[in-house]
PDB file of N, CA and C in Angstrom:
ATOM      1  N   UNK A   1      97.119  97.035 101.108  1.00  0.00           N
ATOM      2  CA  UNK A   1      97.952  96.260 100.218  1.00  0.00           C
ATOM      3  C   UNK A   1      98.701  97.178  99.244  1.00  0.00           C
ATOM      4  N   UNK A   2      98.001  98.155  98.718  1.00  0.00           N
ATOM      5  CA  UNK A   2      98.631  99.025  97.730  1.00  0.00           C
ATOM      6  C   UNK A   2      99.769  99.823  98.341  1.00  0.00           C
ATOM      7  N   UNK A   3      99.564 100.338  99.539  1.00  0.00           N
ATOM      8  CA  UNK A   3     100.633 101.125 100.144  1.00  0.00           C
ATOM      9  C   UNK A   3     101.831 100.246 100.481  1.00  0.00           C
ATOM     10  N   UNK A   4     101.603  98.982 100.745  1.00  0.00           N
ATOM     11  CA  UNK A   4     102.718  98.063 100.996  1.00  0.00           C
ATOM     12  C   UNK A   4     103.558  97.904  99.729  1.00  0.00           C
ATOM     13  N   UNK A   5     102.889  97.822  98.585  1.00  0.00           N
ATOM     14  CA  UNK A   5     103.602  97.738  97.313  1.00  0.00           C
ATOM     15  C   UNK A   5     104.447  98.994  97.086  1.00  0.00           C
ATOM     16  N   UNK A   6     103.861 100.144  97.377  1.00  0.00           N
ATOM     17  CA  UNK A   6     104.577 101.412  97.225  1.00  0.00           C
ATOM     18  C   UNK A   6     105.778 101.444  98.164  1.00  0.00           C
ATOM     19  N   UNK A   7     105.548 101.039  99.404  1.00  0.00           N
ATOM     20  CA  UNK A   7     106.625 101.025 100.396  1.00  0.00           C
ATOM     21  C   UNK A   7     107.782 100.140  99.937  1.00  0.00           C
ATOM     22  N   UNK A   8     107.475  98.932  99.505  1.00  0.00           N
ATOM     23  CA  UNK A   8     108.536  98.001  99.085  1.00  0.00           C
ATOM     24  C   UNK A   8     109.307  98.547  97.888  1.00  0.00           C
ATOM     25  N   UNK A   9     108.578  99.134  96.924  1.00  0.00           N
ATOM     26  CA  UNK A   9     109.246  99.689  95.746  1.00  0.00           C
ATOM     27  C   UNK A   9     110.131 100.871  96.129  1.00  0.00           C
ATOM     28  N   UNK A  10     109.644 101.704  97.030  1.00  0.00           N
ATOM     29  CA  UNK A  10     110.427 102.876  97.455  1.00  0.00           C
ATOM     30  C   UNK A  10     111.664 102.458  98.233  1.00  0.00           C
ATOM     31  N   UNK A  11     111.564 101.401  99.021  1.00  0.00           N
ATOM     32  CA  UNK A  11     112.733 100.884  99.745  1.00  0.00           C
ATOM     33  C   UNK A  11     113.752 100.341  98.740  1.00  0.00           C
ATOM     34  N   UNK A  12     113.271  99.602  97.735  1.00  0.00           N
ATOM     35  CA  UNK A  12     114.175  99.083  96.699  1.00  0.00           C
ATOM     36  C   UNK A  12     114.859 100.211  95.938  1.00  0.00           C
ATOM     37  N   UNK A  13     114.160 101.358  95.860  1.00  0.00           N
ATOM     38  CA  UNK A  13     114.736 102.513  95.158  1.00  0.00           C
ATOM     39  C   UNK A  13     115.698 103.292  96.048  1.00  0.00           C
ATOM     40  N   UNK A  14     115.938 102.787  97.271  1.00  0.00           N
ATOM     41  CA  UNK A  14     116.933 103.404  98.132  1.00  0.00           C
ATOM     42  C   UNK A  14     116.404 104.140  99.342  1.00  0.00           C
ATOM     43  N   UNK A  15     115.095 104.129  99.559  1.00  0.00           N
ATOM     44  CA  UNK A  15     114.509 104.826 100.698  1.00  0.00           C
ATOM     45  C   UNK A  15     114.648 104.061 102.000  1.00  0.00           C
ATOM     46  N   UNK A  16     114.533 104.772 103.093  1.00  0.00           N
ATOM     47  CA  UNK A  16     114.577 104.181 104.438  1.00  0.00           C
ATOM     48  C   UNK A  16     113.178 103.679 104.800  1.00  0.00           C
ATOM     49  N   UNK A  17     113.079 102.383 105.101  1.00  0.00           N
ATOM     50  CA  UNK A  17     111.781 101.764 105.347  1.00  0.00           C
ATOM     51  C   UNK A  17     110.998 102.466 106.455  1.00  0.00           C
ATOM     52  N   UNK A  18     111.631 102.760 107.559  1.00  0.00           N
ATOM     53  CA  UNK A  18     110.951 103.386 108.695  1.00  0.00           C
ATOM     54  C   UNK A  18     110.409 104.772 108.336  1.00  0.00           C
ATOM     55  N   UNK A  19     111.232 105.547 107.664  1.00  0.00           N
ATOM     56  CA  UNK A  19     110.811 106.896 107.270  1.00  0.00           C
ATOM     57  C   UNK A  19     109.667 106.819 106.262  1.00  0.00           C
ATOM     58  N   UNK A  20     109.809 105.949 105.276  1.00  0.00           N
ATOM     59  CA  UNK A  20     108.761 105.806 104.265  1.00  0.00           C
ATOM     60  C   UNK A  20     107.454 105.324 104.883  1.00  0.00           C
ATOM     61  N   UNK A  21     107.551 104.385 105.789  1.00  0.00           N
ATOM     62  CA  UNK A  21     106.350 103.878 106.458  1.00  0.00           C
ATOM     63  C   UNK A  21     105.635 105.010 107.189  1.00  0.00           C
ATOM     64  N   UNK A  22     106.388 105.802 107.887  1.00  0.00           N
ATOM     65  CA  UNK A  22     105.803 106.924 108.631  1.00  0.00           C
ATOM     66  C   UNK A  22     105.190 107.951 107.675  1.00  0.00           C
ATOM     67  N   UNK A  23     105.859 108.220 106.569  1.00  0.00           N
ATOM     68  CA  UNK A  23     105.329 109.191 105.591  1.00  0.00           C
ATOM     69  C   UNK A  23     104.015 108.667 105.000  1.00  0.00           C
ATOM     70  N   UNK A  24     103.947 107.380 104.682  1.00  0.00           N
ATOM     71  CA  UNK A  24     102.700 106.800 104.168  1.00  0.00           C
ATOM     72  C   UNK A  24     101.604 106.921 105.214  1.00  0.00           C
ATOM     73  N   UNK A  25     101.935 106.633 106.465  1.00  0.00           N
ATOM     74  CA  UNK A  25     100.939 106.732 107.538  1.00  0.00           C
ATOM     75  C   UNK A  25     100.424 108.161 107.650  1.00  0.00           C
ATOM     76  N   UNK A  26     101.325 109.118 107.651  1.00  0.00           N
ATOM     77  CA  UNK A  26     100.921 110.524 107.772  1.00  0.00           C
ATOM     78  C   UNK A  26     100.045 110.961 106.597  1.00  0.00           C
ATOM     79  N   UNK A  27     100.469 110.608 105.392  1.00  0.00           N
ATOM     80  CA  UNK A  27      99.687 110.978 104.210  1.00  0.00           C
ATOM     81  C   UNK A  27      98.330 110.270 104.198  1.00  0.00           C
ATOM     82  N   UNK A  28      98.310 109.018 104.615  1.00  0.00           N
ATOM     83  CA  UNK A  28      97.052 108.267 104.658  1.00  0.00           C
ATOM     84  C   UNK A  28      96.067 108.899 105.632  1.00  0.00           C
ATOM     85  N   UNK A  29      96.564 109.275 106.790  1.00  0.00           N
ATOM     86  CA  UNK A  29      95.702 109.907 107.804  1.00  0.00           C
ATOM     87  C   UNK A  29      95.174 111.254 107.290  1.00  0.00           C
ATOM     88  N   UNK A  30      96.030 112.033 106.669  1.00  0.00           N
ATOM     89  CA  UNK A  30      95.618 113.336 106.149  1.00  0.00           C
ATOM     90  C   UNK A  30      94.589 113.171 105.029  1.00  0.00           C
ATOM     91  N   UNK A  31      94.827 112.225 104.136  1.00  0.00           N
ATOM     92  CA  UNK A  31      93.887 111.986 103.037  1.00  0.00           C
ATOM     93  C   UNK A  31      92.546 111.500 103.588  1.00  0.00           C
ATOM     94  N   UNK A  32      92.580 110.624 104.571  1.00  0.00           N
ATOM     95  CA  UNK A  32      91.341 110.121 105.179  1.00  0.00           C
ATOM     96  C   UNK A  32      90.555 111.251 105.836  1.00  0.00           C
ATOM     97  N   UNK A  33      91.257 112.165 106.494  1.00  0.00           N
ATOM     98  CA  UNK A  33      90.580 113.321 107.101  1.00  0.00           C
ATOM     99  C   UNK A  33      89.849 114.143 106.054  1.00  0.00           C
ATOM    100  N   UNK A  34      90.508 114.366 104.927  1.00  0.00           N
ATOM    101  CA  UNK A  34      89.885 115.148 103.857  1.00  0.00           C
ATOM    102  C   UNK A  34      88.604 114.473 103.363  1.00  0.00           C
ATOM    103  N   UNK A  35      88.652 113.160 103.239  1.00  0.00           N
ATOM    104  CA  UNK A  35      87.485 112.404 102.776  1.00  0.00           C
ATOM    105  C   UNK A  35      86.373 112.445 103.817  1.00  0.00           C
ATOM    106  N   UNK A  36      86.716 112.135 105.060  1.00  0.00           N
ATOM    107  CA  UNK A  36      85.707 112.020 106.122  1.00  0.00           C
ATOM    108  C   UNK A  36      85.146 113.355 106.570  1.00  0.00           C
ATOM    109  N   UNK A  37      86.004 114.339 106.723  1.00  0.00           N
ATOM    110  CA  UNK A  37      85.563 115.609 107.298  1.00  0.00           C
ATOM    111  C   UNK A  37      85.083 116.606 106.259  1.00  0.00           C
ATOM    112  N   UNK A  38      85.636 116.530 105.049  1.00  0.00           N
ATOM    113  CA  UNK A  38      85.297 117.546 104.060  1.00  0.00           C
ATOM    114  C   UNK A  38      84.602 116.976 102.834  1.00  0.00           C
ATOM    115  N   UNK A  39      84.485 115.634 102.769  1.00  0.00           N
ATOM    116  CA  UNK A  39      83.805 115.003 101.647  1.00  0.00           C
ATOM    117  C   UNK A  39      84.571 115.093 100.337  1.00  0.00           C
ATOM    118  N   UNK A  40      85.873 115.294 100.422  1.00  0.00           N
ATOM    119  CA  UNK A  40      86.697 115.409  99.223  1.00  0.00           C
ATOM    120  C   UNK A  40      87.145 114.030  98.739  1.00  0.00           C
ATOM    121  N   UNK A  41      87.693 113.998  97.536  1.00  0.00           N
ATOM    122  CA  UNK A  41      88.240 112.750  97.003  1.00  0.00           C
ATOM    123  C   UNK A  41      89.498 112.363  97.767  1.00  0.00           C
ATOM    124  N   UNK A  42      89.783 111.071  97.753  1.00  0.00           N
ATOM    125  CA  UNK A  42      91.001 110.569  98.374  1.00  0.00           C
ATOM    126  C   UNK A  42      92.191 110.977  97.501  1.00  0.00           C
ATOM    127  N   UNK A  43      93.069 111.789  98.042  1.00  0.00           N
ATOM    128  CA  UNK A  43      94.216 112.290  97.275  1.00  0.00           C
ATOM    129  C   UNK A  43      95.544 111.691  97.746  1.00  0.00           C
ATOM    130  N   UNK A  44      95.491 110.489  98.289  1.00  0.00           N
ATOM    131  CA  UNK A  44      96.700 109.860  98.814  1.00  0.00           C
ATOM    132  C   UNK A  44      97.788 109.736  97.746  1.00  0.00           C
ATOM    133  N   UNK A  45      97.420 109.312  96.553  1.00  0.00           N
ATOM    134  CA  UNK A  45      98.417 109.129  95.497  1.00  0.00           C
ATOM    135  C   UNK A  45      99.091 110.454  95.160  1.00  0.00           C
ATOM    136  N   UNK A  46      98.302 111.498  95.052  1.00  0.00           N
ATOM    137  CA  UNK A  46      98.875 112.812  94.751  1.00  0.00           C
ATOM    138  C   UNK A  46      99.805 113.264  95.871  1.00  0.00           C
ATOM    139  N   UNK A  47      99.431 112.992  97.099  1.00  0.00           N
ATOM    140  CA  UNK A  47     100.284 113.344  98.235  1.00  0.00           C
ATOM    141  C   UNK A  47     101.617 112.614  98.161  1.00  0.00           C
ATOM    142  N   UNK A  48     101.561 111.326  97.842  1.00  0.00           N
ATOM    143  CA  UNK A  48     102.798 110.546  97.746  1.00  0.00           C
ATOM    144  C   UNK A  48     103.648 111.012  96.569  1.00  0.00           C
ATOM    145  N   UNK A  49     102.994 111.341  95.462  1.00  0.00           N
ATOM    146  CA  UNK A  49     103.742 111.828  94.297  1.00  0.00           C
ATOM    147  C   UNK A  49     104.461 113.135  94.605  1.00  0.00           C
ATOM    148  N   UNK A  50     103.894 113.945  95.470  1.00  0.00           N
ATOM    149  CA  UNK A  50     104.499 115.220  95.812  1.00  0.00           C
ATOM    150  C   UNK A  50     105.508 115.156  96.940  1.00  0.00           C
ATOM    151  N   UNK A  51     105.650 114.012  97.560  1.00  0.00           N
ATOM    152  CA  UNK A  51     106.574 113.861  98.676  1.00  0.00           C
ATOM    153  C   UNK A  51     107.951 113.449  98.156  1.00  0.00           C
ATOM    154  N   UNK A  52     108.984 114.239  98.438  1.00  0.00           N
ATOM    155  CA  UNK A  52     110.336 113.909  97.963  1.00  0.00           C
ATOM    156  C   UNK A  52     110.826 112.529  98.414  1.00  0.00           C
ATOM    157  N   UNK A  53     110.293 112.014  99.509  1.00  0.00           N
ATOM    158  CA  UNK A  53     110.712 110.697  99.989  1.00  0.00           C
ATOM    159  C   UNK A  53     110.346 109.591  98.994  1.00  0.00           C
ATOM    160  N   UNK A  54     109.359 109.865  98.128  1.00  0.00           N
ATOM    161  CA  UNK A  54     108.908 108.860  97.159  1.00  0.00           C
ATOM    162  C   UNK A  54     109.327 109.196  95.731  1.00  0.00           C
ATOM    163  N   UNK A  55     110.310 110.083  95.607  1.00  0.00           N
ATOM    164  CA  UNK A  55     110.778 110.504  94.288  1.00  0.00           C
ATOM    165  C   UNK A  55     111.236 109.319  93.436  1.00  0.00           C
ATOM    166  N   UNK A  56     111.819 108.317  94.070  1.00  0.00           N
ATOM    167  CA  UNK A  56     112.330 107.156  93.337  1.00  0.00           C
ATOM    168  C   UNK A  56     111.258 106.297  92.705  1.00  0.00           C
ATOM    169  N   UNK A  57     110.004 106.436  93.135  1.00  0.00           N
ATOM    170  CA  UNK A  57     108.916 105.628  92.565  1.00  0.00           C
ATOM    171  C   UNK A  57     107.778 106.496  92.029  1.00  0.00           C
ATOM    172  N   UNK A  58     107.981 107.789  92.051  1.00  0.00           N
ATOM    173  CA  UNK A  58     106.931 108.734  91.636  1.00  0.00           C
ATOM    174  C   UNK A  58     106.316 108.362  90.290  1.00  0.00           C
ATOM    175  N   UNK A  59     107.148 108.026  89.320  1.00  0.00           N
ATOM    176  CA  UNK A  59     106.664 107.716  87.977  1.00  0.00           C
ATOM    177  C   UNK A  59     106.065 106.317  87.862  1.00  0.00           C
ATOM    178  N   UNK A  60     106.218 105.497  88.901  1.00  0.00           N
ATOM    179  CA  UNK A  60     105.708 104.121  88.868  1.00  0.00           C
ATOM    180  C   UNK A  60     104.466 103.926  89.715  1.00  0.00           C
ATOM    181  N   UNK A  61     103.997 104.970  90.381  1.00  0.00           N
ATOM    182  CA  UNK A  61     102.864 104.812  91.298  1.00  0.00           C
ATOM    183  C   UNK A  61     101.638 104.235  90.612  1.00  0.00           C
ATOM    184  N   UNK A  62     101.320 104.694  89.413  1.00  0.00           N
ATOM    185  CA  UNK A  62     100.133 104.188  88.713  1.00  0.00           C
ATOM    186  C   UNK A  62     100.232 102.684  88.487  1.00  0.00           C
ATOM    187  N   UNK A  63     101.391 102.198  88.051  1.00  0.00           N
ATOM    188  CA  UNK A  63     101.534 100.762  87.813  1.00  0.00           C
ATOM    189  C   UNK A  63     101.544  99.982  89.121  1.00  0.00           C
ATOM    190  N   UNK A  64     102.097 100.575  90.179  1.00  0.00           N
ATOM    191  CA  UNK A  64     102.097  99.898  91.484  1.00  0.00           C
ATOM    192  C   UNK A  64     100.691  99.782  92.048  1.00  0.00           C
ATOM    193  N   UNK A  65      99.802 100.680  91.637  1.00  0.00           N
ATOM    194  CA  UNK A  65      98.430 100.691  92.145  1.00  0.00           C
ATOM    195  C   UNK A  65      97.440 100.014  91.204  1.00  0.00           C
ATOM    196  N   UNK A  66      97.920  99.411  90.135  1.00  0.00           N
ATOM    197  CA  UNK A  66      97.039  98.737  89.186  1.00  0.00           C
ATOM    198  C   UNK A  66      96.284  97.620  89.903  1.00  0.00           C
ATOM    199  N   UNK A  67      94.979  97.693  89.871  1.00  0.00           N
ATOM    200  CA  UNK A  67      94.135  96.730  90.572  1.00  0.00           C
ATOM    201  C   UNK A  67      94.379  95.288  90.188  1.00  0.00           C
ATOM    202  N   UNK A  68      94.841  95.041  88.981  1.00  0.00           N
ATOM    203  CA  UNK A  68      95.112  93.673  88.536  1.00  0.00           C
ATOM    204  C   UNK A  68      96.183  93.004  89.391  1.00  0.00           C
ATOM    205  N   UNK A  69      97.017  93.801  90.033  1.00  0.00           N
ATOM    206  CA  UNK A  69      98.077  93.248  90.889  1.00  0.00           C
ATOM    207  C   UNK A  69      97.532  92.671  92.195  1.00  0.00           C
ATOM    208  N   UNK A  70      96.271  92.972  92.527  1.00  0.00           N
ATOM    209  CA  UNK A  70      95.740  92.623  93.844  1.00  0.00           C
ATOM    210  C   UNK A  70      94.600  91.612  93.816  1.00  0.00           C
ATOM    211  N   UNK A  71      94.279  91.069  92.652  1.00  0.00           N
ATOM    212  CA  UNK A  71      93.141  90.156  92.573  1.00  0.00           C
ATOM    213  C   UNK A  71      93.532  88.689  92.582  1.00  0.00           C
ATOM    214  N   UNK A  72      94.821  88.424  92.517  1.00  0.00           N
ATOM    215  CA  UNK A  72      95.272  87.033  92.588  1.00  0.00           C
ATOM    216  C   UNK A  72      94.664  86.180  91.491  1.00  0.00           C
ATOM    217  N   UNK A  73      94.105  85.054  91.887  1.00  0.00           N
ATOM    218  CA  UNK A  73      93.515  84.101  90.942  1.00  0.00           C
ATOM    219  C   UNK A  73      92.035  84.342  90.713  1.00  0.00           C
ATOM    220  N   UNK A  74      91.488  85.432  91.220  1.00  0.00           N
ATOM    221  CA  UNK A  74      90.047  85.677  91.119  1.00  0.00           C
ATOM    222  C   UNK A  74      89.523  85.565  89.678  1.00  0.00           C
ATOM    223  N   UNK A  75      90.168  86.146  88.672  1.00  0.00           N
ATOM    224  CA  UNK A  75      89.619  86.004  87.315  1.00  0.00           C
ATOM    225  C   UNK A  75      89.503  84.546  86.861  1.00  0.00           C
ATOM    226  N   UNK A  76      90.528  83.741  87.131  1.00  0.00           N
ATOM    227  CA  UNK A  76      90.471  82.329  86.759  1.00  0.00           C
ATOM    228  C   UNK A  76      89.402  81.592  87.555  1.00  0.00           C
ATOM    229  N   UNK A  77      89.249  81.935  88.832  1.00  0.00           N
ATOM    230  CA  UNK A  77      88.242  81.286  89.657  1.00  0.00           C
ATOM    231  C   UNK A  77      86.836  81.614  89.176  1.00  0.00           C
ATOM    232  N   UNK A  78      86.612  82.847  88.780  1.00  0.00           N
ATOM    233  CA  UNK A  78      85.300  83.238  88.255  1.00  0.00           C
ATOM    234  C   UNK A  78      85.020  82.490  86.957  1.00  0.00           C
ATOM    235  N   UNK A  79      86.002  82.439  86.067  1.00  0.00           N
ATOM    236  CA  UNK A  79      85.822  81.701  84.809  1.00  0.00           C
ATOM    237  C   UNK A  79      85.480  80.239  85.077  1.00  0.00           C
ATOM    238  N   UNK A  80      86.197  79.611  86.006  1.00  0.00           N
ATOM    239  CA  UNK A  80      85.941  78.205  86.331  1.00  0.00           C
ATOM    240  C   UNK A  80      84.551  78.030  86.935  1.00  0.00           C
ATOM    241  N   UNK A  81      84.124  78.944  87.798  1.00  0.00           N
ATOM    242  CA  UNK A  81      82.799  78.854  88.414  1.00  0.00           C
ATOM    243  C   UNK A  81      81.710  78.959  87.342  1.00  0.00           C
ATOM    244  N   UNK A  82      81.872  79.890  86.432  1.00  0.00           N
ATOM    245  CA  UNK A  82      80.881  80.041  85.366  1.00  0.00           C
ATOM    246  C   UNK A  82      80.836  78.770  84.511  1.00  0.00           C
ATOM    247  N   UNK A  83      82.021  78.274  84.151  1.00  0.00           N
ATOM    248  CA  UNK A  83      82.094  77.082  83.301  1.00  0.00           C
ATOM    249  C   UNK A  83      81.529  75.842  84.002  1.00  0.00           C
ATOM    250  N   UNK A  84      81.893  75.649  85.279  1.00  0.00           N
ATOM    251  CA  UNK A  84      81.541  74.408  85.972  1.00  0.00           C
ATOM    252  C   UNK A  84      80.204  74.449  86.708  1.00  0.00           C
ATOM    253  N   UNK A  85      79.704  75.636  87.020  1.00  0.00           N
ATOM    254  CA  UNK A  85      78.470  75.737  87.802  1.00  0.00           C
ATOM    255  C   UNK A  85      77.328  76.423  87.042  1.00  0.00           C
ATOM    256  N   UNK A  86      77.597  77.591  86.522  1.00  0.00           N
ATOM    257  CA  UNK A  86      76.538  78.393  85.919  1.00  0.00           C
ATOM    258  C   UNK A  86      76.079  77.834  84.575  1.00  0.00           C
ATOM    259  N   UNK A  87      77.021  77.542  83.705  1.00  0.00           N
ATOM    260  CA  UNK A  87      76.638  77.039  82.382  1.00  0.00           C
ATOM    261  C   UNK A  87      75.865  75.727  82.486  1.00  0.00           C
ATOM    262  N   UNK A  88      76.298  74.758  83.309  1.00  0.00           N
ATOM    263  CA  UNK A  88      75.488  73.540  83.453  1.00  0.00           C
ATOM    264  C   UNK A  88      74.076  73.826  83.993  1.00  0.00           C
ATOM    265  N   UNK A  89      73.943  74.765  84.922  1.00  0.00           N
ATOM    266  CA  UNK A  89      72.614  75.111  85.431  1.00  0.00           C
ATOM    267  C   UNK A  89      71.748  75.735  84.341  1.00  0.00           C
ATOM    268  N   UNK A  90      72.355  76.597  83.547  1.00  0.00           N
ATOM    269  CA  UNK A  90      71.607  77.217  82.455  1.00  0.00           C
ATOM    270  C   UNK A  90      71.128  76.155  81.460  1.00  0.00           C
ATOM    271  N   UNK A  91      71.980  75.194  81.183  1.00  0.00           N
ATOM    272  CA  UNK A  91      71.599  74.119  80.256  1.00  0.00           C
ATOM    273  C   UNK A  91      70.480  73.262  80.856  1.00  0.00           C
ATOM    274  N   UNK A  92      70.630  72.972  82.149  1.00  0.00           N
ATOM    275  CA  UNK A  92      69.651  72.110  82.836  1.00  0.00           C
ATOM    276  C   UNK A  92      68.270  72.730  82.853  1.00  0.00           C
ATOM    277  N   UNK A  93      68.228  74.038  83.048  1.00  0.00           N
ATOM    278  CA  UNK A  93      66.937  74.714  83.188  1.00  0.00           C
ATOM    279  C   UNK A  93      66.542  75.516  81.948  1.00  0.00           C
ATOM    280  N   UNK A  94      67.175  75.225  80.817  1.00  0.00           N
ATOM    281  CA  UNK A  94      66.822  75.894  79.575  1.00  0.00           C
ATOM    282  C   UNK A  94      65.348  75.619  79.273  1.00  0.00           C
ATOM    283  N   UNK A  95      64.632  76.628  78.952  1.00  0.00           N
ATOM    284  CA  UNK A  95      63.224  76.449  78.607  1.00  0.00           C
ATOM    285  C   UNK A  95      62.280  76.545  79.808  1.00  0.00           C
ATOM    286  N   UNK A  96      62.784  76.556  81.014  1.00  0.00           N
ATOM    287  CA  UNK A  96      61.937  76.685  82.187  1.00  0.00           C
ATOM    288  C   UNK A  96      61.564  78.152  82.354  1.00  0.00           C
ATOM    289  N   UNK A  97      60.273  78.387  82.572  1.00  0.00           N
ATOM    290  CA  UNK A  97      59.785  79.744  82.747  1.00  0.00           C
ATOM    291  C   UNK A  97      59.391  79.943  84.205  1.00  0.00           C
ATOM    292  N   UNK A  98      59.785  81.054  84.749  1.00  0.00           N
ATOM    293  CA  UNK A  98      59.434  81.379  86.119  1.00  0.00           C
ATOM    294  C   UNK A  98      58.317  82.416  86.071  1.00  0.00           C
ATOM    295  N   UNK A  99      57.236  82.129  86.790  1.00  0.00           N
ATOM    296  CA  UNK A  99      56.134  83.072  86.820  1.00  0.00           C
ATOM    297  C   UNK A  99      55.974  83.616  88.216  1.00  0.00           C
ATOM    298  N   UNK A 100      55.536  84.852  88.326  1.00  0.00           N
ATOM    299  CA  UNK A 100      55.335  85.460  89.630  1.00  0.00           C
ATOM    300  C   UNK A 100      56.645  86.020  90.167  1.00  0.00           C
ATOM    301  N   UNK A 101      56.489  86.964  91.044  1.00  0.00           N
ATOM    302  CA  UNK A 101      57.670  87.616  91.654  1.00  0.00           C
ATOM    303  C   UNK A 101      57.997  86.917  92.955  1.00  0.00           C
ATOM    304  N   UNK A 102      59.241  86.745  93.211  1.00  0.00           N
ATOM    305  CA  UNK A 102      59.701  86.159  94.462  1.00  0.00           C
ATOM    306  C   UNK A 102      60.055  87.319  95.390  1.00  0.00           C
ATOM    307  N   UNK A 103      59.478  87.322  96.571  1.00  0.00           N
ATOM    308  CA  UNK A 103      59.755  88.390  97.541  1.00  0.00           C
ATOM    309  C   UNK A 103      60.643  87.826  98.641  1.00  0.00           C
ATOM    310  N   UNK A 104      61.617  88.616  99.003  1.00  0.00           N
ATOM    311  CA  UNK A 104      62.529  88.200 100.070  1.00  0.00           C
ATOM    312  C   UNK A 104      62.358  89.120 101.249  1.00  0.00           C
TER     313      UNK A 104
END
């Protein structure tokens, strides 16, 4: 998902979609090799920042990769679940003590 955001932004900045897609694929494969074969950190972002094909979005990569852009309605759904499910259960079982360990 994140690389798709980068791709779309780079195309809007004037890049060729096919070339950018291929560059992302190449950088992704190289970064994955470093992680899998050498145990290094994933350096995909640094690779893209250093690639002239992504010069038009180089300064925006951090904002394009902000995790908040990819969670959709999850925060609201969690809040609603806590409000509608968890809090009523806590109220219902307030004062109940559980003894003994449950083994699964």
